[in-house]
């Protein structure tokens, strides 16, 4: 194969990927005319690539007039990618940025039924600090990192009551706090699990839009004033949004 042919093949692959990336959750079906507005291709080239992508299962055509949508081959790749995801590795740069900006302990939590478990942590470098440790498990209704997850599960009152059973948590206070967490996008706690400790946590989401866990920042209340908590919350919401994007979630961050 000549260098010219190799270059043409590489360019064709790039153009095909541009076509696939033109689809979004909001525009899951596109006509050829709509695709032409999104990719810099001639009509003959576009149709040639559309045919090839259909032939290999990456696109499917529907309706009359004809429209295109992502095909089963894309779902297969997504499944393979999801199966191989190492959440801690993907989250590490996000946790590191939060840790550098806050100088407080930063932890990553995932839900485990009625519990949530710490799967990654960067301890604060400061002498006075709090940490949980990888593997730490607690009821999901207790603490900011748990409620940051729970708030986005859309549970009924009956379901929520089952989670709160035996925790000593007031249902009235829990429901009010979860509603506030959903509204502002993050949860807080003060001296709830550790005396003198303050926690701020924000959720992150997977490619299907389901809450996948939370990122929490811990520190002593002498350092985490109300104003400082708001600063940390802004950092957390922004960075948790970036983690959600890295996991394939394309909606607005919570």
C-alpha atoms as a PDB file:
ATOM      1  CA  UNK A   1       0.000   0.000   0.000  1.00  0.00           C
ATOM      2  CA  UNK A   2       1.384   3.384  -1.004  1.00  0.00           C
ATOM      3  CA  UNK A   3       1.796   6.274   1.426  1.00  0.00           C
ATOM      4  CA  UNK A   4      -1.010   8.099  -0.381  1.00  0.00           C
ATOM      5  CA  UNK A   5      -3.376   5.158   0.088  1.00  0.00           C
ATOM      6  CA  UNK A   6      -2.431   4.883   3.757  1.00  0.00           C
ATOM      7  CA  UNK A   7      -3.106   8.589   4.232  1.00  0.00           C
ATOM      8  CA  UNK A   8      -6.493   8.270   2.522  1.00  0.00           C
ATOM      9  CA  UNK A   9      -7.446   5.330   4.755  1.00  0.00           C
ATOM     10  CA  UNK A  10      -6.498   7.236   7.892  1.00  0.00           C
ATOM     11  CA  UNK A  11      -8.513  10.246   6.728  1.00  0.00           C
ATOM     12  CA  UNK A  12     -11.518   8.014   6.022  1.00  0.00           C
ATOM     13  CA  UNK A  13     -11.353   6.591   9.548  1.00  0.00           C
ATOM     14  CA  UNK A  14     -11.247  10.104  10.996  1.00  0.00           C
ATOM     15  CA  UNK A  15     -14.244  11.159   8.929  1.00  0.00           C
ATOM     16  CA  UNK A  16     -16.208   8.084   9.985  1.00  0.00           C
ATOM     17  CA  UNK A  17     -15.504   8.875  13.641  1.00  0.00           C
ATOM     18  CA  UNK A  18     -16.678  12.452  13.106  1.00  0.00           C
ATOM     19  CA  UNK A  19     -19.994  11.080  11.818  1.00  0.00           C
ATOM     20  CA  UNK A  20     -20.427   8.855  14.877  1.00  0.00           C
ATOM     21  CA  UNK A  21     -19.553  11.712  17.246  1.00  0.00           C
ATOM     22  CA  UNK A  22     -22.183  13.931  15.608  1.00  0.00           C
ATOM     23  CA  UNK A  23     -24.899  11.991  17.466  1.00  0.00           C
ATOM     24  CA  UNK A  24     -25.884  13.100  20.967  1.00  0.00           C
ATOM     25  CA  UNK A  25     -28.554  12.053  23.498  1.00  0.00           C
ATOM     26  CA  UNK A  26     -30.573  15.069  22.303  1.00  0.00           C
ATOM     27  CA  UNK A  27     -30.026  14.222  18.612  1.00  0.00           C
ATOM     28  CA  UNK A  28     -30.071  10.439  18.556  1.00  0.00           C
ATOM     29  CA  UNK A  29     -31.458  10.398  14.995  1.00  0.00           C
ATOM     30  CA  UNK A  30     -30.079  12.562  12.186  1.00  0.00           C
ATOM     31  CA  UNK A  31     -30.821  12.865   8.496  1.00  0.00           C
ATOM     32  CA  UNK A  32     -28.057  13.029   5.881  1.00  0.00           C
ATOM     33  CA  UNK A  33     -28.767  16.742   5.471  1.00  0.00           C
ATOM     34  CA  UNK A  34     -28.357  17.304   9.221  1.00  0.00           C
ATOM     35  CA  UNK A  35     -25.127  15.317   9.237  1.00  0.00           C
ATOM     36  CA  UNK A  36     -23.757  17.410   6.378  1.00  0.00           C
ATOM     37  CA  UNK A  37     -24.160  20.489   8.599  1.00  0.00           C
ATOM     38  CA  UNK A  38     -22.121  18.834  11.354  1.00  0.00           C
ATOM     39  CA  UNK A  39     -19.284  17.228   9.407  1.00  0.00           C
ATOM     40  CA  UNK A  40     -17.178  18.821   6.686  1.00  0.00           C
ATOM     41  CA  UNK A  41     -17.809  16.239   3.933  1.00  0.00           C
ATOM     42  CA  UNK A  42     -19.145  16.181   0.415  1.00  0.00           C
ATOM     43  CA  UNK A  43     -22.480  14.420  -0.049  1.00  0.00           C
ATOM     44  CA  UNK A  44     -20.952  11.478  -2.011  1.00  0.00           C
ATOM     45  CA  UNK A  45     -18.290  10.951   0.660  1.00  0.00           C
ATOM     46  CA  UNK A  46     -20.879  11.148   3.426  1.00  0.00           C
ATOM     47  CA  UNK A  47     -23.116   8.520   1.811  1.00  0.00           C
ATOM     48  CA  UNK A  48     -20.157   6.242   1.138  1.00  0.00           C
ATOM     49  CA  UNK A  49     -19.140   6.379   4.792  1.00  0.00           C
ATOM     50  CA  UNK A  50     -22.740   5.985   5.992  1.00  0.00           C
ATOM     51  CA  UNK A  51     -23.048   2.819   3.928  1.00  0.00           C
ATOM     52  CA  UNK A  52     -19.778   1.431   5.341  1.00  0.00           C
ATOM     53  CA  UNK A  53     -20.792   2.241   8.929  1.00  0.00           C
ATOM     54  CA  UNK A  54     -24.171   0.565   8.396  1.00  0.00           C
ATOM     55  CA  UNK A  55     -22.507  -2.472   6.864  1.00  0.00           C
ATOM     56  CA  UNK A  56     -20.426  -2.939  10.022  1.00  0.00           C
ATOM     57  CA  UNK A  57     -23.286  -2.258  12.453  1.00  0.00           C
ATOM     58  CA  UNK A  58     -22.145   1.137  13.709  1.00  0.00           C
ATOM     59  CA  UNK A  59     -25.162   2.907  12.189  1.00  0.00           C
ATOM     60  CA  UNK A  60     -28.736   1.907  11.400  1.00  0.00           C
ATOM     61  CA  UNK A  61     -31.174   3.695   9.111  1.00  0.00           C
ATOM     62  CA  UNK A  62     -34.807   4.219  10.101  1.00  0.00           C
ATOM     63  CA  UNK A  63     -37.950   5.828   8.748  1.00  0.00           C
ATOM     64  CA  UNK A  64     -38.990   7.515   5.543  1.00  0.00           C
ATOM     65  CA  UNK A  65     -37.486   9.996   4.886  1.00  0.00           C
ATOM     66  CA  UNK A  66     -34.363   8.161   5.930  1.00  0.00           C
ATOM     67  CA  UNK A  67     -32.698   9.007   9.206  1.00  0.00           C
ATOM     68  CA  UNK A  68     -29.703   7.441  10.910  1.00  0.00           C
ATOM     69  CA  UNK A  69     -29.013   6.350  14.472  1.00  0.00           C
ATOM     70  CA  UNK A  70     -26.133   4.580  16.230  1.00  0.00           C
ATOM     71  CA  UNK A  71     -26.150   0.834  15.671  1.00  0.00           C
ATOM     72  CA  UNK A  72     -25.578  -2.271  17.837  1.00  0.00           C
ATOM     73  CA  UNK A  73     -21.817  -2.302  17.243  1.00  0.00           C
ATOM     74  CA  UNK A  74     -21.566   0.932  19.231  1.00  0.00           C
ATOM     75  CA  UNK A  75     -23.486  -0.670  22.117  1.00  0.00           C
ATOM     76  CA  UNK A  76     -21.094  -3.627  22.036  1.00  0.00           C
ATOM     77  CA  UNK A  77     -18.087  -1.329  22.313  1.00  0.00           C
ATOM     78  CA  UNK A  78     -19.776   0.597  25.139  1.00  0.00           C
ATOM     79  CA  UNK A  79     -20.397  -2.667  27.001  1.00  0.00           C
ATOM     80  CA  UNK A  80     -16.760  -3.736  26.579  1.00  0.00           C
ATOM     81  CA  UNK A  81     -15.557  -0.316  27.735  1.00  0.00           C
ATOM     82  CA  UNK A  82     -17.861  -0.318  30.782  1.00  0.00           C
ATOM     83  CA  UNK A  83     -16.743  -3.822  31.782  1.00  0.00           C
ATOM     84  CA  UNK A  84     -13.127  -2.683  31.774  1.00  0.00           C
ATOM     85  CA  UNK A  85     -13.603   0.601  33.599  1.00  0.00           C
ATOM     86  CA  UNK A  86     -11.355   1.076  36.619  1.00  0.00           C
ATOM     87  CA  UNK A  87     -13.232   3.800  38.475  1.00  0.00           C
ATOM     88  CA  UNK A  88     -10.372   4.622  40.838  1.00  0.00           C
ATOM     89  CA  UNK A  89      -7.949   5.134  37.948  1.00  0.00           C
ATOM     90  CA  UNK A  90     -10.388   7.311  36.002  1.00  0.00           C
ATOM     91  CA  UNK A  91     -11.198   9.356  39.108  1.00  0.00           C
ATOM     92  CA  UNK A  92      -7.585   9.801  40.275  1.00  0.00           C
ATOM     93  CA  UNK A  93      -6.876  13.021  38.299  1.00  0.00           C
ATOM     94  CA  UNK A  94     -10.156  14.497  39.536  1.00  0.00           C
ATOM     95  CA  UNK A  95      -9.437  13.590  43.160  1.00  0.00           C
ATOM     96  CA  UNK A  96      -5.904  14.936  42.800  1.00  0.00           C
ATOM     97  CA  UNK A  97      -7.116  18.335  41.552  1.00  0.00           C
ATOM     98  CA  UNK A  98      -9.610  18.625  44.411  1.00  0.00           C
ATOM     99  CA  UNK A  99      -6.917  17.620  46.909  1.00  0.00           C
ATOM    100  CA  UNK A 100      -4.497  20.223  45.541  1.00  0.00           C
ATOM    101  CA  UNK A 101      -7.123  22.980  45.656  1.00  0.00           C
ATOM    102  CA  UNK A 102      -8.486  22.190  49.118  1.00  0.00           C
ATOM    103  CA  UNK A 103      -5.556  20.604  51.035  1.00  0.00           C
ATOM    104  CA  UNK A 104      -8.181  18.484  52.787  1.00  0.00           C
ATOM    105  CA  UNK A 105      -8.865  14.729  52.701  1.00  0.00           C
ATOM    106  CA  UNK A 106     -10.692  13.687  49.514  1.00  0.00           C
ATOM    107  CA  UNK A 107     -12.560  10.396  49.142  1.00  0.00           C
ATOM    108  CA  UNK A 108     -14.463   8.541  46.434  1.00  0.00           C
ATOM    109  CA  UNK A 109     -17.528   6.515  47.432  1.00  0.00           C
ATOM    110  CA  UNK A 110     -19.730   4.037  45.579  1.00  0.00           C
ATOM    111  CA  UNK A 111     -23.095   2.604  46.708  1.00  0.00           C
ATOM    112  CA  UNK A 112     -23.371  -0.965  47.933  1.00  0.00           C
ATOM    113  CA  UNK A 113     -27.064  -1.546  48.552  1.00  0.00           C
ATOM    114  CA  UNK A 114     -27.991   0.251  51.766  1.00  0.00           C
ATOM    115  CA  UNK A 115     -24.341   1.109  52.356  1.00  0.00           C
ATOM    116  CA  UNK A 116     -21.653   3.177  50.652  1.00  0.00           C
ATOM    117  CA  UNK A 117     -17.986   2.215  50.503  1.00  0.00           C
ATOM    118  CA  UNK A 118     -14.806   4.270  50.155  1.00  0.00           C
ATOM    119  CA  UNK A 119     -12.856   3.031  47.109  1.00  0.00           C
ATOM    120  CA  UNK A 120     -10.187   5.748  46.905  1.00  0.00           C
ATOM    121  CA  UNK A 121      -8.821   8.397  49.251  1.00  0.00           C
ATOM    122  CA  UNK A 122      -6.163  11.115  49.316  1.00  0.00           C
ATOM    123  CA  UNK A 123      -5.461  12.091  52.958  1.00  0.00           C
ATOM    124  CA  UNK A 124      -4.970  15.735  53.878  1.00  0.00           C
ATOM    125  CA  UNK A 125      -1.317  16.773  54.307  1.00  0.00           C
ATOM    126  CA  UNK A 126      -2.263  18.983  57.271  1.00  0.00           C
ATOM    127  CA  UNK A 127      -1.536  17.861  60.869  1.00  0.00           C
ATOM    128  CA  UNK A 128      -5.149  18.287  61.984  1.00  0.00           C
ATOM    129  CA  UNK A 129      -7.223  16.244  59.555  1.00  0.00           C
ATOM    130  CA  UNK A 130      -9.737  13.421  59.196  1.00  0.00           C
ATOM    131  CA  UNK A 131      -9.635  10.355  57.007  1.00  0.00           C
ATOM    132  CA  UNK A 132     -11.734   7.238  56.448  1.00  0.00           C
ATOM    133  CA  UNK A 133      -9.503   4.840  54.541  1.00  0.00           C
ATOM    134  CA  UNK A 134     -10.215   2.670  51.517  1.00  0.00           C
ATOM    135  CA  UNK A 135     -12.773   0.027  52.429  1.00  0.00           C
ATOM    136  CA  UNK A 136     -14.591   2.119  55.019  1.00  0.00           C
ATOM    137  CA  UNK A 137     -18.320   1.369  54.869  1.00  0.00           C
ATOM    138  CA  UNK A 138     -21.255   3.238  56.378  1.00  0.00           C
ATOM    139  CA  UNK A 139     -25.039   3.390  55.985  1.00  0.00           C
ATOM    140  CA  UNK A 140     -25.893   5.484  52.960  1.00  0.00           C
ATOM    141  CA  UNK A 141     -28.359   7.652  54.911  1.00  0.00           C
ATOM    142  CA  UNK A 142     -25.590   8.871  57.223  1.00  0.00           C
ATOM    143  CA  UNK A 143     -22.996  11.450  56.251  1.00  0.00           C
ATOM    144  CA  UNK A 144     -22.660  13.819  53.320  1.00  0.00           C
ATOM    145  CA  UNK A 145     -21.067  11.300  50.943  1.00  0.00           C
ATOM    146  CA  UNK A 146     -23.964   8.900  51.456  1.00  0.00           C
ATOM    147  CA  UNK A 147     -26.735  11.454  51.101  1.00  0.00           C
ATOM    148  CA  UNK A 148     -25.111  12.951  47.986  1.00  0.00           C
ATOM    149  CA  UNK A 149     -25.818   9.560  46.383  1.00  0.00           C
ATOM    150  CA  UNK A 150     -29.173   8.885  48.033  1.00  0.00           C
ATOM    151  CA  UNK A 151     -30.629  12.244  46.979  1.00  0.00           C
ATOM    152  CA  UNK A 152     -30.480  11.249  43.308  1.00  0.00           C
ATOM    153  CA  UNK A 153     -32.023   7.787  43.586  1.00  0.00           C
ATOM    154  CA  UNK A 154     -35.585   9.170  43.381  1.00  0.00           C
ATOM    155  CA  UNK A 155     -36.858   6.826  46.081  1.00  0.00           C
ATOM    156  CA  UNK A 156     -40.426   6.815  47.338  1.00  0.00           C
ATOM    157  CA  UNK A 157     -41.046   7.660  51.006  1.00  0.00           C
ATOM    158  CA  UNK A 158     -41.631   3.970  51.713  1.00  0.00           C
ATOM    159  CA  UNK A 159     -38.343   2.966  50.068  1.00  0.00           C
ATOM    160  CA  UNK A 160     -36.477   5.755  51.839  1.00  0.00           C
ATOM    161  CA  UNK A 161     -37.906   4.646  55.183  1.00  0.00           C
ATOM    162  CA  UNK A 162     -36.366   1.188  54.666  1.00  0.00           C
ATOM    163  CA  UNK A 163     -32.948   2.754  54.117  1.00  0.00           C
ATOM    164  CA  UNK A 164     -33.320   4.892  57.232  1.00  0.00           C
ATOM    165  CA  UNK A 165     -34.567   2.036  59.443  1.00  0.00           C
ATOM    166  CA  UNK A 166     -32.286   1.468  62.427  1.00  0.00           C
ATOM    167  CA  UNK A 167     -30.021   4.404  61.580  1.00  0.00           C
ATOM    168  CA  UNK A 168     -31.449   6.847  64.103  1.00  0.00           C
ATOM    169  CA  UNK A 169     -32.015   9.353  61.309  1.00  0.00           C
ATOM    170  CA  UNK A 170     -35.231  11.410  61.382  1.00  0.00           C
ATOM    171  CA  UNK A 171     -37.303  10.819  58.240  1.00  0.00           C
ATOM    172  CA  UNK A 172     -38.557  14.401  58.238  1.00  0.00           C
ATOM    173  CA  UNK A 173     -35.036  15.817  58.466  1.00  0.00           C
ATOM    174  CA  UNK A 174     -33.718  13.288  55.937  1.00  0.00           C
ATOM    175  CA  UNK A 175     -36.340  14.108  53.311  1.00  0.00           C
ATOM    176  CA  UNK A 176     -35.749  17.846  53.774  1.00  0.00           C
ATOM    177  CA  UNK A 177     -31.984  17.437  53.473  1.00  0.00           C
ATOM    178  CA  UNK A 178     -32.226  15.244  50.370  1.00  0.00           C
ATOM    179  CA  UNK A 179     -34.487  17.814  48.711  1.00  0.00           C
ATOM    180  CA  UNK A 180     -31.964  20.548  49.513  1.00  0.00           C
ATOM    181  CA  UNK A 181     -29.123  18.388  48.183  1.00  0.00           C
ATOM    182  CA  UNK A 182     -30.936  17.867  44.882  1.00  0.00           C
ATOM    183  CA  UNK A 183     -31.590  21.591  44.621  1.00  0.00           C
ATOM    184  CA  UNK A 184     -28.022  22.772  45.214  1.00  0.00           C
ATOM    185  CA  UNK A 185     -26.171  19.728  43.836  1.00  0.00           C
ATOM    186  CA  UNK A 186     -24.169  18.796  46.942  1.00  0.00           C
ATOM    187  CA  UNK A 187     -24.575  17.584  50.531  1.00  0.00           C
ATOM    188  CA  UNK A 188     -22.956  18.678  53.798  1.00  0.00           C
ATOM    189  CA  UNK A 189     -22.625  17.271  57.302  1.00  0.00           C
ATOM    190  CA  UNK A 190     -21.157  18.544  60.551  1.00  0.00           C
ATOM    191  CA  UNK A 191     -20.074  16.428  63.533  1.00  0.00           C
ATOM    192  CA  UNK A 192     -22.363  13.658  62.321  1.00  0.00           C
ATOM    193  CA  UNK A 193     -19.975  10.711  62.190  1.00  0.00           C
ATOM    194  CA  UNK A 194     -16.870  12.321  63.728  1.00  0.00           C
ATOM    195  CA  UNK A 195     -17.006  15.075  66.351  1.00  0.00           C
ATOM    196  CA  UNK A 196     -15.608  18.331  64.981  1.00  0.00           C
ATOM    197  CA  UNK A 197     -15.537  17.105  61.388  1.00  0.00           C
ATOM    198  CA  UNK A 198     -17.223  18.790  58.436  1.00  0.00           C
ATOM    199  CA  UNK A 199     -17.878  17.044  55.120  1.00  0.00           C
ATOM    200  CA  UNK A 200     -18.999  18.316  51.725  1.00  0.00           C
ATOM    201  CA  UNK A 201     -19.883  15.858  48.947  1.00  0.00           C
ATOM    202  CA  UNK A 202     -21.171  15.894  45.365  1.00  0.00           C
ATOM    203  CA  UNK A 203     -22.519  13.021  43.249  1.00  0.00           C
ATOM    204  CA  UNK A 204     -21.228  11.783  39.907  1.00  0.00           C
ATOM    205  CA  UNK A 205     -23.132   9.890  37.221  1.00  0.00           C
ATOM    206  CA  UNK A 206     -22.517   7.048  34.780  1.00  0.00           C
ATOM    207  CA  UNK A 207     -23.204   6.927  31.028  1.00  0.00           C
ATOM    208  CA  UNK A 208     -26.850   5.960  31.602  1.00  0.00           C
ATOM    209  CA  UNK A 209     -27.454   9.001  33.800  1.00  0.00           C
ATOM    210  CA  UNK A 210     -27.658   6.982  37.022  1.00  0.00           C
ATOM    211  CA  UNK A 211     -25.838   8.250  40.096  1.00  0.00           C
ATOM    212  CA  UNK A 212     -22.676   6.138  40.375  1.00  0.00           C
ATOM    213  CA  UNK A 213     -21.177   7.491  43.588  1.00  0.00           C
ATOM    214  CA  UNK A 214     -19.938  10.620  45.300  1.00  0.00           C
ATOM    215  CA  UNK A 215     -16.775  12.583  45.994  1.00  0.00           C
ATOM    216  CA  UNK A 216     -16.343  13.947  49.494  1.00  0.00           C
ATOM    217  CA  UNK A 217     -14.010  16.446  51.159  1.00  0.00           C
ATOM    218  CA  UNK A 218     -13.401  16.196  54.939  1.00  0.00           C
ATOM    219  CA  UNK A 219     -11.849  18.659  57.314  1.00  0.00           C
ATOM    220  CA  UNK A 220     -12.070  20.122  60.842  1.00  0.00           C
ATOM    221  CA  UNK A 221     -14.786  22.704  61.404  1.00  0.00           C
ATOM    222  CA  UNK A 222     -12.144  25.217  62.539  1.00  0.00           C
ATOM    223  CA  UNK A 223     -10.960  25.333  58.896  1.00  0.00           C
ATOM    224  CA  UNK A 224     -14.201  24.628  57.042  1.00  0.00           C
ATOM    225  CA  UNK A 225     -16.326  27.692  57.753  1.00  0.00           C
ATOM    226  CA  UNK A 226     -19.633  28.162  55.924  1.00  0.00           C
ATOM    227  CA  UNK A 227     -17.878  30.298  53.303  1.00  0.00           C
ATOM    228  CA  UNK A 228     -15.123  27.705  52.846  1.00  0.00           C
ATOM    229  CA  UNK A 229     -17.726  24.940  52.502  1.00  0.00           C
ATOM    230  CA  UNK A 230     -19.344  26.848  49.640  1.00  0.00           C
ATOM    231  CA  UNK A 231     -15.970  27.249  47.925  1.00  0.00           C
ATOM    232  CA  UNK A 232     -15.295  23.527  48.251  1.00  0.00           C
ATOM    233  CA  UNK A 233     -18.810  22.722  47.058  1.00  0.00           C
ATOM    234  CA  UNK A 234     -18.227  24.686  43.856  1.00  0.00           C
ATOM    235  CA  UNK A 235     -15.003  22.780  43.253  1.00  0.00           C
ATOM    236  CA  UNK A 236     -16.709  19.452  43.931  1.00  0.00           C
ATOM    237  CA  UNK A 237     -19.674  20.113  41.651  1.00  0.00           C
ATOM    238  CA  UNK A 238     -17.362  21.139  38.819  1.00  0.00           C
ATOM    239  CA  UNK A 239     -14.987  18.213  39.236  1.00  0.00           C
ATOM    240  CA  UNK A 240     -17.710  15.621  39.778  1.00  0.00           C
ATOM    241  CA  UNK A 241     -19.179  16.836  36.492  1.00  0.00           C
ATOM    242  CA  UNK A 242     -15.842  16.130  34.808  1.00  0.00           C
ATOM    243  CA  UNK A 243     -15.768  12.631  36.300  1.00  0.00           C
ATOM    244  CA  UNK A 244     -19.317  12.034  35.051  1.00  0.00           C
ATOM    245  CA  UNK A 245     -18.213  13.076  31.556  1.00  0.00           C
ATOM    246  CA  UNK A 246     -15.235  10.712  31.773  1.00  0.00           C
ATOM    247  CA  UNK A 247     -17.677   7.904  32.582  1.00  0.00           C
ATOM    248  CA  UNK A 248     -19.746   8.724  29.500  1.00  0.00           C
ATOM    249  CA  UNK A 249     -22.466  10.911  31.008  1.00  0.00           C
ATOM    250  CA  UNK A 250     -23.301  13.728  28.591  1.00  0.00           C
ATOM    251  CA  UNK A 251     -25.978  15.543  30.568  1.00  0.00           C
ATOM    252  CA  UNK A 252     -25.503  18.580  32.779  1.00  0.00           C
ATOM    253  CA  UNK A 253     -23.692  17.819  35.987  1.00  0.00           C
ATOM    254  CA  UNK A 254     -25.906  17.631  39.037  1.00  0.00           C
END
